[in-house]
Amino acid sequence: MEFSTNLLIFSGLALLMIAAAMAAVTTSRIMRAVTYLLFVLFGTAGLYFMLHYTFLGAIQIIVYAGGIVVLFIFAALLIGKGTIDITHTSKLRYLAGLATSFSGLGIALYLIRNTNFVAEKFSSSDIPMKTVGTALMSTGKHNYVLTFEVLSILLLACMVGAIMIARKK
């Protein structure tokens, strides 16, 4: 097996994302969980940059790392509850979490094993920038203005979720 710089960077990003994701779901402090989530989102952007998908990497940083995490932080600071009491979690919730985790792992492994991944050559110079801009702002079949509307609903849902998590009981 040949070790390259790309493999080393990918392995580092993957380990960072796994560790940060585990820390985000196991911590009892909301601000730490949001910080760990930020590391996961930056790691995902790093993977996009490694694949030379600079547009997706920039969107990942701007929208998710910038927008959603800032919404969570503002909601947590405005509402004011910094910890979650996880000491009295029932065993049924732990079992449900384990079952969900193993189900997700099984589905992911099934999809990876049974999917033909074919490398395609794509050049960004094939599509003019005017066509990309028109597709982003049009409402036709293969256009993306609906995506931006759904994204605004996602940001609103994240804000409401952050307020529900952070509010005092």
C-alpha atoms as a PDB file:
ATOM      1  CA  MET A   1       0.000   0.000   0.000  1.00  0.00           C
ATOM      2  CA  GLU A   2       1.405   3.322  -1.029  1.00  0.00           C
ATOM      3  CA  PHE A   3       1.208   6.230   1.407  1.00  0.00           C
ATOM      4  CA  SER A   4       0.787   9.591  -0.226  1.00  0.00           C
ATOM      5  CA  THR A   5       0.245  13.082   1.036  1.00  0.00           C
ATOM      6  CA  ASN A   6      -3.419  12.949   0.036  1.00  0.00           C
ATOM      7  CA  LEU A   7      -3.938   9.726   2.003  1.00  0.00           C
ATOM      8  CA  LEU A   8      -2.250  11.264   5.028  1.00  0.00           C
ATOM      9  CA  ILE A   9      -4.377  14.430   4.836  1.00  0.00           C
ATOM     10  CA  PHE A  10      -7.569  12.387   4.306  1.00  0.00           C
ATOM     11  CA  SER A  11      -6.743  10.155   7.270  1.00  0.00           C
ATOM     12  CA  GLY A  12      -6.056  13.166   9.474  1.00  0.00           C
ATOM     13  CA  LEU A  13      -9.307  14.855   8.469  1.00  0.00           C
ATOM     14  CA  ALA A  14     -11.280  11.640   8.948  1.00  0.00           C
ATOM     15  CA  LEU A  15      -9.833  11.063  12.417  1.00  0.00           C
ATOM     16  CA  LEU A  16     -10.478  14.694  13.371  1.00  0.00           C
ATOM     17  CA  MET A  17     -14.083  14.459  12.178  1.00  0.00           C
ATOM     18  CA  ILE A  18     -14.747  11.168  13.979  1.00  0.00           C
ATOM     19  CA  ALA A  19     -13.213  12.410  17.236  1.00  0.00           C
ATOM     20  CA  ALA A  20     -15.045  15.738  17.057  1.00  0.00           C
ATOM     21  CA  ALA A  21     -18.369  14.047  16.229  1.00  0.00           C
ATOM     22  CA  MET A  22     -17.997  11.666  19.167  1.00  0.00           C
ATOM     23  CA  ALA A  23     -17.098  14.560  21.451  1.00  0.00           C
ATOM     24  CA  ALA A  24     -20.063  16.614  20.186  1.00  0.00           C
ATOM     25  CA  VAL A  25     -22.609  13.969  21.090  1.00  0.00           C
ATOM     26  CA  THR A  26     -21.076  12.994  24.423  1.00  0.00           C
ATOM     27  CA  THR A  27     -20.438  16.390  26.001  1.00  0.00           C
ATOM     28  CA  SER A  28     -22.959  17.922  28.357  1.00  0.00           C
ATOM     29  CA  ARG A  29     -22.092  21.529  27.550  1.00  0.00           C
ATOM     30  CA  ILE A  30     -23.818  23.113  24.578  1.00  0.00           C
ATOM     31  CA  MET A  31     -21.009  25.515  23.648  1.00  0.00           C
ATOM     32  CA  ARG A  32     -18.492  22.664  23.551  1.00  0.00           C
ATOM     33  CA  ALA A  33     -20.855  20.578  21.444  1.00  0.00           C
ATOM     34  CA  VAL A  34     -21.232  23.444  18.972  1.00  0.00           C
ATOM     35  CA  THR A  35     -17.456  23.893  18.856  1.00  0.00           C
ATOM     36  CA  TYR A  36     -16.966  20.193  18.129  1.00  0.00           C
ATOM     37  CA  LEU A  37     -19.667  20.413  15.451  1.00  0.00           C
ATOM     38  CA  LEU A  38     -17.714  23.282  13.918  1.00  0.00           C
ATOM     39  CA  PHE A  39     -14.627  21.035  13.690  1.00  0.00           C
ATOM     40  CA  VAL A  40     -16.692  18.371  11.919  1.00  0.00           C
ATOM     41  CA  LEU A  41     -18.036  20.910   9.439  1.00  0.00           C
ATOM     42  CA  PHE A  42     -14.568  22.313   8.740  1.00  0.00           C
ATOM     43  CA  GLY A  43     -13.300  18.758   8.228  1.00  0.00           C
ATOM     44  CA  THR A  44     -16.048  18.162   5.690  1.00  0.00           C
ATOM     45  CA  ALA A  45     -15.047  21.351   3.891  1.00  0.00           C
ATOM     46  CA  GLY A  46     -11.455  20.101   3.906  1.00  0.00           C
ATOM     47  CA  LEU A  47     -12.582  16.898   2.190  1.00  0.00           C
ATOM     48  CA  TYR A  48     -14.381  18.949  -0.458  1.00  0.00           C
ATOM     49  CA  PHE A  49     -11.240  20.990  -1.045  1.00  0.00           C
ATOM     50  CA  MET A  50      -9.211  17.779  -1.361  1.00  0.00           C
ATOM     51  CA  LEU A  51     -11.585  16.638  -4.116  1.00  0.00           C
ATOM     52  CA  HIS A  52     -11.128  20.023  -5.845  1.00  0.00           C
ATOM     53  CA  TYR A  53     -14.784  20.925  -5.242  1.00  0.00           C
ATOM     54  CA  THR A  54     -13.931  24.448  -4.171  1.00  0.00           C
ATOM     55  CA  PHE A  55     -17.481  25.746  -4.601  1.00  0.00           C
ATOM     56  CA  LEU A  56     -18.917  23.057  -2.299  1.00  0.00           C
ATOM     57  CA  GLY A  57     -16.103  23.631   0.204  1.00  0.00           C
ATOM     58  CA  ALA A  58     -16.801  27.349   0.274  1.00  0.00           C
ATOM     59  CA  ILE A  59     -20.544  26.752   0.662  1.00  0.00           C
ATOM     60  CA  GLN A  60     -19.824  24.286   3.475  1.00  0.00           C
ATOM     61  CA  ILE A  61     -17.847  26.925   5.351  1.00  0.00           C
ATOM     62  CA  ILE A  62     -20.166  29.846   4.619  1.00  0.00           C
ATOM     63  CA  VAL A  63     -23.543  28.192   5.106  1.00  0.00           C
ATOM     64  CA  TYR A  64     -22.996  25.401   7.572  1.00  0.00           C
ATOM     65  CA  ALA A  65     -19.923  26.376   9.562  1.00  0.00           C
ATOM     66  CA  GLY A  66     -20.760  30.059   9.361  1.00  0.00           C
ATOM     67  CA  GLY A  67     -24.518  30.184   9.407  1.00  0.00           C
ATOM     68  CA  ILE A  68     -25.807  27.252  11.394  1.00  0.00           C
ATOM     69  CA  VAL A  69     -23.126  27.275  14.077  1.00  0.00           C
ATOM     70  CA  VAL A  70     -23.542  31.023  14.576  1.00  0.00           C
ATOM     71  CA  LEU A  71     -27.296  30.499  14.930  1.00  0.00           C
ATOM     72  CA  PHE A  72     -26.714  27.842  17.567  1.00  0.00           C
ATOM     73  CA  ILE A  73     -24.248  30.009  19.451  1.00  0.00           C
ATOM     74  CA  PHE A  74     -26.530  33.058  19.447  1.00  0.00           C
ATOM     75  CA  ALA A  75     -29.514  31.000  20.522  1.00  0.00           C
ATOM     76  CA  ALA A  76     -27.539  29.328  23.298  1.00  0.00           C
ATOM     77  CA  LEU A  77     -26.155  32.632  24.540  1.00  0.00           C
ATOM     78  CA  LEU A  78     -29.465  34.470  24.303  1.00  0.00           C
ATOM     79  CA  ILE A  79     -31.453  31.797  26.080  1.00  0.00           C
ATOM     80  CA  GLY A  80     -28.692  31.117  28.581  1.00  0.00           C
ATOM     81  CA  LYS A  81     -28.635  27.406  29.482  1.00  0.00           C
ATOM     82  CA  GLY A  82     -25.107  26.072  29.082  1.00  0.00           C
ATOM     83  CA  THR A  83     -25.450  22.460  30.195  1.00  0.00           C
ATOM     84  CA  ILE A  84     -27.773  19.558  29.596  1.00  0.00           C
ATOM     85  CA  ASP A  85     -28.487  17.091  32.390  1.00  0.00           C
ATOM     86  CA  ILE A  86     -27.511  13.735  30.894  1.00  0.00           C
ATOM     87  CA  THR A  87     -26.990  11.884  34.156  1.00  0.00           C
ATOM     88  CA  HIS A  88     -30.558  10.557  34.270  1.00  0.00           C
ATOM     89  CA  THR A  89     -30.857   9.133  30.780  1.00  0.00           C
ATOM     90  CA  SER A  90     -32.848   5.916  30.677  1.00  0.00           C
ATOM     91  CA  LYS A  91     -31.452   2.642  29.395  1.00  0.00           C
ATOM     92  CA  LEU A  92     -34.169   2.578  26.750  1.00  0.00           C
ATOM     93  CA  ARG A  93     -32.698   5.722  25.182  1.00  0.00           C
ATOM     94  CA  TYR A  94     -29.231   4.181  25.162  1.00  0.00           C
ATOM     95  CA  LEU A  95     -30.587   1.059  23.482  1.00  0.00           C
ATOM     96  CA  ALA A  96     -32.498   3.154  20.929  1.00  0.00           C
ATOM     97  CA  GLY A  97     -29.334   5.135  20.203  1.00  0.00           C
ATOM     98  CA  LEU A  98     -27.293   1.965  19.745  1.00  0.00           C
ATOM     99  CA  ALA A  99     -29.946   0.415  17.503  1.00  0.00           C
ATOM    100  CA  THR A 100     -30.093   3.568  15.372  1.00  0.00           C
ATOM    101  CA  SER A 101     -26.291   3.723  15.144  1.00  0.00           C
ATOM    102  CA  PHE A 102     -25.947   0.114  14.070  1.00  0.00           C
ATOM    103  CA  SER A 103     -28.812   0.484  11.583  1.00  0.00           C
ATOM    104  CA  GLY A 104     -27.091   3.491  10.011  1.00  0.00           C
ATOM    105  CA  LEU A 105     -23.779   1.623   9.914  1.00  0.00           C
ATOM    106  CA  GLY A 106     -25.444  -1.364   8.266  1.00  0.00           C
ATOM    107  CA  ILE A 107     -27.133   0.788   5.626  1.00  0.00           C
ATOM    108  CA  ALA A 108     -23.895   2.650   4.905  1.00  0.00           C
ATOM    109  CA  LEU A 109     -21.884  -0.568   4.558  1.00  0.00           C
ATOM    110  CA  TYR A 110     -24.559  -2.109   2.335  1.00  0.00           C
ATOM    111  CA  LEU A 111     -24.553   0.931   0.048  1.00  0.00           C
ATOM    112  CA  ILE A 112     -20.763   1.058  -0.117  1.00  0.00           C
ATOM    113  CA  ARG A 113     -20.523  -2.650  -0.907  1.00  0.00           C
ATOM    114  CA  ASN A 114     -23.265  -2.722  -3.550  1.00  0.00           C
ATOM    115  CA  THR A 115     -22.565   0.520  -5.398  1.00  0.00           C
ATOM    116  CA  ASN A 116     -20.371   0.757  -8.459  1.00  0.00           C
ATOM    117  CA  PHE A 117     -18.261   3.847  -8.054  1.00  0.00           C
ATOM    118  CA  VAL A 118     -17.140   4.927 -11.498  1.00  0.00           C
ATOM    119  CA  ALA A 119     -14.606   7.686 -11.877  1.00  0.00           C
ATOM    120  CA  GLU A 120     -15.720  10.281 -14.386  1.00  0.00           C
ATOM    121  CA  LYS A 121     -13.592  12.951 -15.903  1.00  0.00           C
ATOM    122  CA  PHE A 122     -15.074  16.398 -15.413  1.00  0.00           C
ATOM    123  CA  SER A 123     -13.595  19.718 -16.326  1.00  0.00           C
ATOM    124  CA  SER A 124     -14.987  22.911 -14.865  1.00  0.00           C
ATOM    125  CA  SER A 125     -14.147  24.713 -18.099  1.00  0.00           C
ATOM    126  CA  ASP A 126     -16.885  22.746 -19.917  1.00  0.00           C
ATOM    127  CA  ILE A 127     -19.669  24.927 -18.500  1.00  0.00           C
ATOM    128  CA  PRO A 128     -19.627  28.723 -18.904  1.00  0.00           C
ATOM    129  CA  MET A 129     -20.058  30.780 -15.744  1.00  0.00           C
ATOM    130  CA  LYS A 130     -23.120  32.565 -17.164  1.00  0.00           C
ATOM    131  CA  THR A 131     -24.893  29.205 -17.459  1.00  0.00           C
ATOM    132  CA  VAL A 132     -24.065  28.369 -13.834  1.00  0.00           C
ATOM    133  CA  GLY A 133     -25.375  31.743 -12.645  1.00  0.00           C
ATOM    134  CA  THR A 134     -28.578  31.375 -14.650  1.00  0.00           C
ATOM    135  CA  ALA A 135     -29.137  27.863 -13.284  1.00  0.00           C
ATOM    136  CA  LEU A 136     -28.658  29.070  -9.715  1.00  0.00           C
ATOM    137  CA  MET A 137     -31.249  31.823 -10.001  1.00  0.00           C
ATOM    138  CA  SER A 138     -33.900  30.192 -12.227  1.00  0.00           C
ATOM    139  CA  THR A 139     -36.938  28.147 -11.261  1.00  0.00           C
ATOM    140  CA  GLY A 140     -37.043  25.550 -14.041  1.00  0.00           C
ATOM    141  CA  LYS A 141     -36.534  21.793 -13.913  1.00  0.00           C
ATOM    142  CA  HIS A 142     -32.739  21.745 -13.512  1.00  0.00           C
ATOM    143  CA  ASN A 143     -32.375  25.015 -11.627  1.00  0.00           C
ATOM    144  CA  TYR A 144     -31.582  25.778  -8.005  1.00  0.00           C
ATOM    145  CA  VAL A 145     -33.547  28.702  -6.606  1.00  0.00           C
ATOM    146  CA  LEU A 146     -35.693  26.178  -4.711  1.00  0.00           C
ATOM    147  CA  THR A 147     -32.515  24.890  -3.051  1.00  0.00           C
ATOM    148  CA  PHE A 148     -31.854  28.315  -1.561  1.00  0.00           C
ATOM    149  CA  GLU A 149     -35.416  28.494  -0.274  1.00  0.00           C
ATOM    150  CA  VAL A 150     -35.066  25.072   1.365  1.00  0.00           C
ATOM    151  CA  LEU A 151     -31.776  26.229   2.856  1.00  0.00           C
ATOM    152  CA  SER A 152     -33.491  29.184   4.495  1.00  0.00           C
ATOM    153  CA  ILE A 153     -36.043  26.800   6.027  1.00  0.00           C
ATOM    154  CA  LEU A 154     -33.140  24.649   7.268  1.00  0.00           C
ATOM    155  CA  LEU A 155     -31.558  27.660   8.954  1.00  0.00           C
ATOM    156  CA  LEU A 156     -34.896  28.546  10.557  1.00  0.00           C
ATOM    157  CA  ALA A 157     -35.311  24.964  11.802  1.00  0.00           C
ATOM    158  CA  CYS A 158     -31.804  25.056  13.281  1.00  0.00           C
ATOM    159  CA  MET A 159     -32.587  28.299  15.079  1.00  0.00           C
ATOM    160  CA  VAL A 160     -35.814  26.885  16.522  1.00  0.00           C
ATOM    161  CA  GLY A 161     -33.977  23.690  17.526  1.00  0.00           C
ATOM    162  CA  ALA A 162     -31.236  25.667  19.232  1.00  0.00           C
ATOM    163  CA  ILE A 163     -33.797  27.719  21.153  1.00  0.00           C
ATOM    164  CA  MET A 164     -35.628  24.561  22.222  1.00  0.00           C
ATOM    165  CA  ILE A 165     -32.374  22.972  23.432  1.00  0.00           C
ATOM    166  CA  ALA A 166     -31.107  26.049  25.217  1.00  0.00           C
ATOM    167  CA  ARG A 167     -34.261  27.365  26.860  1.00  0.00           C
ATOM    168  CA  LYS A 168     -34.733  27.097  30.566  1.00  0.00           C
ATOM    169  CA  LYS A 169     -37.171  24.550  31.901  1.00  0.00           C
END
